[in-house]
Protein backbone atom coordinates (compact mmCIF):
# COMPACT_ATOMS: atom_id res chain seq x y z
CA UNK A 1 7.14 9.16 -28.88
CA UNK A 2 6.53 10.66 -32.43
CA UNK A 3 3.10 11.65 -31.75
CA UNK A 4 2.38 11.67 -27.86
CA UNK A 5 -0.97 13.63 -28.20
CA UNK A 6 -2.31 11.02 -30.71
CA UNK A 7 -1.17 8.14 -28.58
CA UNK A 8 -2.64 9.68 -25.44
CA UNK A 9 -5.99 9.68 -27.46
CA UNK A 10 -5.55 6.00 -28.43
CA UNK A 11 -4.45 5.10 -24.78
CA UNK A 12 -7.78 6.75 -23.57
CA UNK A 13 -9.80 4.51 -25.84
CA UNK A 14 -7.97 1.24 -25.52
CA UNK A 15 -5.67 1.48 -22.50
CA UNK A 16 -7.58 -1.08 -20.51
CA UNK A 17 -7.36 -3.55 -23.42
CA UNK A 18 -3.76 -2.94 -23.74
CA UNK A 19 -3.28 -3.71 -20.03
CA UNK A 20 -4.56 -7.30 -20.77
CA UNK A 21 -1.60 -7.78 -23.24
CA UNK A 22 1.17 -9.17 -20.88
CA UNK A 23 -1.20 -11.86 -19.66
CA UNK A 24 -2.69 -12.82 -22.93
CA UNK A 25 0.59 -12.61 -25.10
CA UNK A 26 3.25 -13.65 -22.58
CA UNK A 27 5.97 -14.08 -25.13
CA UNK A 28 5.63 -10.46 -26.14
CA UNK A 29 5.08 -8.96 -22.66
CA UNK A 30 8.44 -6.92 -22.75
CA UNK A 31 7.27 -5.16 -25.92
CA UNK A 32 3.75 -4.55 -24.87
CA UNK A 33 5.20 -3.22 -21.56
CA UNK A 34 6.68 -0.37 -23.64
CA UNK A 35 3.41 0.76 -24.81
CA UNK A 36 1.85 0.94 -21.41
CA UNK A 37 1.02 4.22 -19.62
CA UNK A 38 0.27 4.85 -15.98
CA UNK A 39 -0.58 7.60 -13.58
CA UNK A 40 2.20 8.17 -10.89
CA UNK A 41 3.38 10.36 -8.08
CA UNK A 42 5.61 12.19 -10.35
CA UNK A 43 2.67 14.41 -11.33
CA UNK A 44 -0.07 13.27 -9.01
CA UNK A 45 -2.62 13.52 -11.61
CA UNK A 46 -5.04 10.98 -12.84
CA UNK A 47 -3.85 11.14 -16.44
CA UNK A 48 -2.14 7.85 -17.50
CA UNK A 49 0.88 9.22 -19.33
CA UNK A 50 3.96 7.81 -17.69
CA UNK A 51 5.81 4.89 -19.66
CA UNK A 52 7.93 2.33 -17.76
CA UNK A 53 10.76 3.57 -19.53
CA UNK A 54 10.00 7.22 -18.20
CA UNK A 55 9.83 5.84 -14.73
CA UNK A 56 13.29 3.90 -15.02
CA UNK A 57 14.90 7.09 -16.32
CA UNK A 58 13.75 9.00 -13.13
CA UNK A 59 14.75 6.20 -10.61
CA UNK A 60 16.97 7.22 -7.78
CA UNK A 61 20.63 6.12 -7.75
CA UNK A 62 20.58 2.73 -5.98
CA UNK A 63 16.82 2.03 -6.63
CA UNK A 64 16.50 -1.47 -7.61
CA UNK A 65 12.60 -1.90 -8.27
CA UNK A 66 9.77 -0.10 -10.00
CA UNK A 67 7.14 0.56 -7.22
CA UNK A 68 3.46 0.61 -7.81
CA UNK A 69 0.30 0.45 -5.63
CA UNK A 70 -3.09 -0.84 -6.81
CA UNK A 71 -6.40 0.72 -5.36
CA UNK A 72 -10.06 0.97 -6.50
CA UNK A 73 -9.85 4.78 -7.02
CA UNK A 74 -7.15 7.45 -7.84
CA UNK A 75 -7.89 9.28 -4.56
CA UNK A 76 -7.36 6.17 -2.59
CA UNK A 77 -3.99 5.34 -4.33
CA UNK A 78 -2.77 8.83 -4.13
CA UNK A 79 -3.48 9.36 -0.49
CA UNK A 80 -2.63 5.96 0.65
CA UNK A 81 -0.46 5.72 3.90
CA UNK A 82 1.82 3.23 2.13
CA UNK A 83 3.23 6.00 -0.02
CA UNK A 84 4.50 8.20 3.09
CA UNK A 85 8.11 6.99 3.15
CA UNK A 86 8.25 7.00 -0.71
CA UNK A 87 7.07 10.64 -0.79
CA UNK A 88 9.45 11.50 1.85
CA UNK A 89 12.43 10.04 -0.05
CA UNK A 90 11.22 11.32 -3.34
CA UNK A 91 10.77 7.79 -4.85
CA UNK A 92 8.23 7.72 -7.68
CA UNK A 93 5.25 5.20 -7.28
CA UNK A 94 2.94 4.19 -10.04
CA UNK A 95 -0.70 4.49 -9.17
CA UNK A 96 -2.83 1.88 -10.68
CA UNK A 97 -6.52 2.10 -10.24
CA UNK A 98 -8.13 0.09 -13.08
CA UNK A 99 -9.53 -3.27 -12.17
CA UNK A 100 -7.22 -4.92 -14.88
CA UNK A 101 -4.22 -3.51 -13.24
CA UNK A 102 -4.31 -6.45 -10.58
CA UNK A 103 -4.17 -8.83 -13.45
CA UNK A 104 -1.43 -6.72 -15.11
CA UNK A 105 0.82 -6.69 -12.02
CA UNK A 106 0.54 -10.57 -11.72
CA UNK A 107 1.64 -11.04 -15.33
CA UNK A 108 4.21 -8.17 -15.83
CA UNK A 109 6.47 -8.76 -12.98
CA UNK A 110 9.67 -7.07 -14.27
CA UNK A 111 10.50 -4.56 -17.08
CA UNK A 112 14.00 -3.87 -18.52
CA UNK A 113 15.60 -5.92 -15.82
CA UNK A 114 13.79 -4.26 -13.04
CA UNK A 115 11.31 -5.95 -10.89
CA UNK A 116 7.89 -4.48 -10.22
CA UNK A 117 7.12 -4.40 -6.66
CA UNK A 118 3.82 -3.53 -4.68
CA UNK A 119 4.34 -1.07 -1.77
CA UNK A 120 1.69 -2.82 0.05
CA UNK A 121 3.05 -6.31 0.12
CA UNK A 122 6.05 -7.94 2.25
CA UNK A 123 8.41 -6.20 4.39
CA UNK A 124 9.67 -2.94 2.76
CA UNK A 125 13.42 -2.88 2.00
CA UNK A 126 14.63 0.09 0.09
CA UNK A 127 18.24 -1.27 0.02
CA UNK A 128 20.75 1.42 -0.69
CA UNK A 129 17.97 4.05 -0.53
CA UNK A 130 18.09 3.60 3.36
CA UNK A 131 21.35 4.87 4.79
CA UNK A 132 22.87 3.26 7.92
CA UNK A 133 21.63 5.92 10.26
CA UNK A 134 18.03 5.21 9.03
CA UNK A 135 18.45 1.48 9.58
CA UNK A 136 20.01 1.87 12.96
CA UNK A 137 16.98 4.15 14.05
CA UNK A 138 14.51 1.44 12.66
CA UNK A 139 16.14 -1.34 14.66
CA UNK A 140 16.31 0.87 17.96
CA UNK A 141 12.55 1.67 17.55
CA UNK A 142 11.62 -1.89 16.80
CA UNK A 143 13.49 -3.02 19.95
CA UNK A 144 11.97 -0.47 22.14
CA UNK A 145 8.54 -1.26 20.82
CA UNK A 146 8.54 -5.08 21.58
CA UNK A 147 6.31 -5.14 24.35
CA UNK A 148 3.76 -2.79 22.70
CA UNK A 149 3.86 -5.14 19.63
CA UNK A 150 3.13 -8.16 21.59
CA UNK A 151 0.32 -6.48 23.37
CA UNK A 152 -1.53 -5.41 20.17
CA UNK A 153 -0.86 -8.68 18.51
CA UNK A 154 -2.63 -10.47 21.58
CA UNK A 155 -5.45 -8.06 21.42
CA UNK A 156 -5.99 -8.31 17.73
CA UNK A 157 -5.25 -11.95 17.38
CA UNK A 158 -8.58 -12.71 15.46
CA UNK A 159 -8.15 -9.94 13.01
CA UNK A 160 -4.32 -9.91 12.14
CA UNK A 161 -1.67 -12.35 11.03
CA UNK A 162 1.19 -10.52 12.58
CA UNK A 163 1.75 -7.05 14.09
CA UNK A 164 5.40 -5.24 13.52
CA UNK A 165 6.97 -1.81 13.55
CA UNK A 166 6.59 -0.07 10.37
CA UNK A 167 9.34 1.26 7.91
CA UNK A 168 6.67 2.70 5.63
CA UNK A 169 4.94 5.27 7.60
CA UNK A 170 5.93 8.76 8.72
CA UNK A 171 2.53 10.41 9.44
CA UNK A 172 0.02 7.78 9.96
CA UNK A 173 -0.49 5.57 13.03
CA UNK A 174 -0.77 2.11 11.13
CA UNK A 175 -1.35 0.48 7.94
CA UNK A 176 -2.16 -3.06 6.70
CA UNK A 177 -0.04 -5.12 4.47
CA UNK A 178 -0.08 -8.69 2.97
CA UNK A 179 2.65 -11.17 2.61
CA UNK A 180 4.75 -10.97 -0.60
CA UNK A 181 3.21 -14.00 -2.28
CA UNK A 182 -0.41 -13.52 -1.04
CA UNK A 183 -3.38 -11.78 -2.89
CA UNK A 184 -3.53 -8.12 -2.26
CA UNK A 185 -6.48 -6.75 -0.43
CA UNK A 186 -7.52 -4.77 -3.39
CA UNK A 187 -7.88 -8.00 -5.46
CA UNK A 188 -9.72 -9.69 -2.81
CA UNK A 189 -12.32 -6.88 -2.82
CA UNK A 190 -12.59 -6.99 -6.62
CA UNK A 191 -13.33 -10.79 -6.59
CA UNK A 192 -15.98 -10.44 -3.91
CA UNK A 193 -17.49 -7.54 -5.72
CA UNK A 194 -18.05 -9.88 -8.79
CA UNK A 195 -19.49 -12.59 -6.88
CA UNK A 196 -16.36 -14.75 -7.02
CA UNK A 197 -14.80 -16.78 -3.88
CA UNK A 198 -11.78 -15.21 -2.26
CA UNK A 199 -9.63 -16.69 0.43
CA UNK A 200 -10.04 -14.86 3.80
CA UNK A 201 -6.39 -13.41 4.16
CA UNK A 202 -5.44 -12.05 7.65
CA UNK A 203 -3.42 -8.85 7.05
CA UNK A 204 -0.12 -7.80 8.84
CA UNK A 205 -0.61 -4.66 11.02
CA UNK A 206 2.34 -2.22 10.81
CA UNK A 207 2.53 0.45 13.81
CA UNK A 208 4.21 3.79 13.69
CA UNK A 209 5.45 3.95 17.32
CA UNK A 210 6.30 7.71 16.71
CA UNK A 211 2.77 8.60 16.15
CA UNK A 212 1.05 10.32 19.02
CA UNK A 213 -1.99 7.91 18.81
CA UNK A 214 0.30 4.78 19.11
CA UNK A 215 2.17 6.61 22.01
CA UNK A 216 -1.19 6.91 23.80
CA UNK A 217 -2.08 3.37 22.88
CA UNK A 218 1.20 2.26 24.85
CA UNK A 219 0.15 3.92 27.91
CA UNK A 220 -3.24 2.53 28.17
CA UNK A 221 -4.56 -0.57 30.00
CA UNK A 222 -7.19 -3.22 29.97
CA UNK A 223 -10.32 -2.46 27.98
CA UNK A 224 -9.35 1.15 26.91
CA UNK A 225 -6.14 -0.58 25.43
CA UNK A 226 -8.43 -3.04 23.59
CA UNK A 227 -10.71 -0.35 22.36
CA UNK A 228 -7.96 1.88 21.14
CA UNK A 229 -6.02 -0.95 19.39
CA UNK A 230 -9.31 -2.02 17.63
CA UNK A 231 -9.81 1.69 16.54
CA UNK A 232 -6.26 1.92 15.14
CA UNK A 233 -6.82 -1.40 13.15
CA UNK A 234 -10.20 -0.38 11.76
CA UNK A 235 -8.74 3.09 10.72
CA UNK A 236 -5.97 1.36 8.82
CA UNK A 237 -8.48 -0.91 7.12
CA UNK A 238 -10.53 2.11 5.97
CA UNK A 239 -7.42 3.99 4.84
CA UNK A 240 -6.78 1.17 2.18
CA UNK A 241 -10.27 1.11 0.94
CA UNK A 242 -11.44 -1.82 2.95
CA UNK A 243 -14.94 -2.21 4.73
CA UNK A 244 -15.65 -2.73 8.42
CA UNK A 245 -17.54 -5.82 9.38
CA UNK A 246 -19.07 -3.85 12.35
CA UNK A 247 -18.96 -0.28 11.59
CA UNK A 248 -21.52 0.72 14.42
CA UNK A 249 -19.22 -0.68 16.98
CA UNK A 250 -16.37 1.25 15.52
CA UNK A 251 -18.36 4.50 15.46
CA UNK A 252 -19.55 3.84 19.19
CA UNK A 253 -15.83 3.25 20.32
CA UNK A 254 -14.58 6.35 18.40
CA UNK A 255 -17.32 8.67 19.86
CA UNK A 256 -16.70 7.35 23.42
CA UNK A 257 -12.93 8.13 23.02
CA UNK A 258 -13.70 11.53 21.46
CA UNK A 259 -15.99 12.59 24.37
CA UNK A 260 -13.46 11.40 26.94
CA UNK A 261 -10.81 13.56 25.18
CA UNK A 262 -12.85 16.59 25.08
CA UNK A 263 -13.57 16.50 28.81
């Protein structure tokens, strides 16, 4: 606070080491938490200059959690589909892109009485930030989409744990999330990159029934339905930084669909 420029220089040199603090020195994690700095959607820049106290000071009335996303690059975090509803409602999200951030988020689970919550895990419940009209509309869309959800779940049974209607998306057709207590997809990738074993976790596919591509999916049958459902899943996987097991088949299906649409 007394010399932000000097601390910014210090943080640039030792920030990643500081982020190990809450895991290494659990008894002092709250004090260490005050010294941490992050990039966030408040400025949408890669500079890590937002403190947790800054974040709390800007929280919306009725907001109960400190929201964050982990990714393997700033661009992937900033442009993630998971942020769509947060941007729409003006809710700040911390953008965590250092490898150590996955460990940090498992150690520093709350700050100043506020829980830290990943936007890519569990069912999204914004509590008081969702008005009654929003909740009723979400329930209506979910009810109307039951048949589509079941068809997609059957089609992608080998790839997904569950399919449900999203409350996260406003512009994208789909996204992938994991259960609240499961390893994040980003951590799974990090572990594999360094040669460690990681459990194979089936993601949950969330669909946006208002998106034109999902509406088109709802009108398809048989093989065309299977192909489009697969494309939507693979797109969601790519959007979160994942790698396709069979990129050639994805490209083939996508090209076939593009050619058909261009006729």
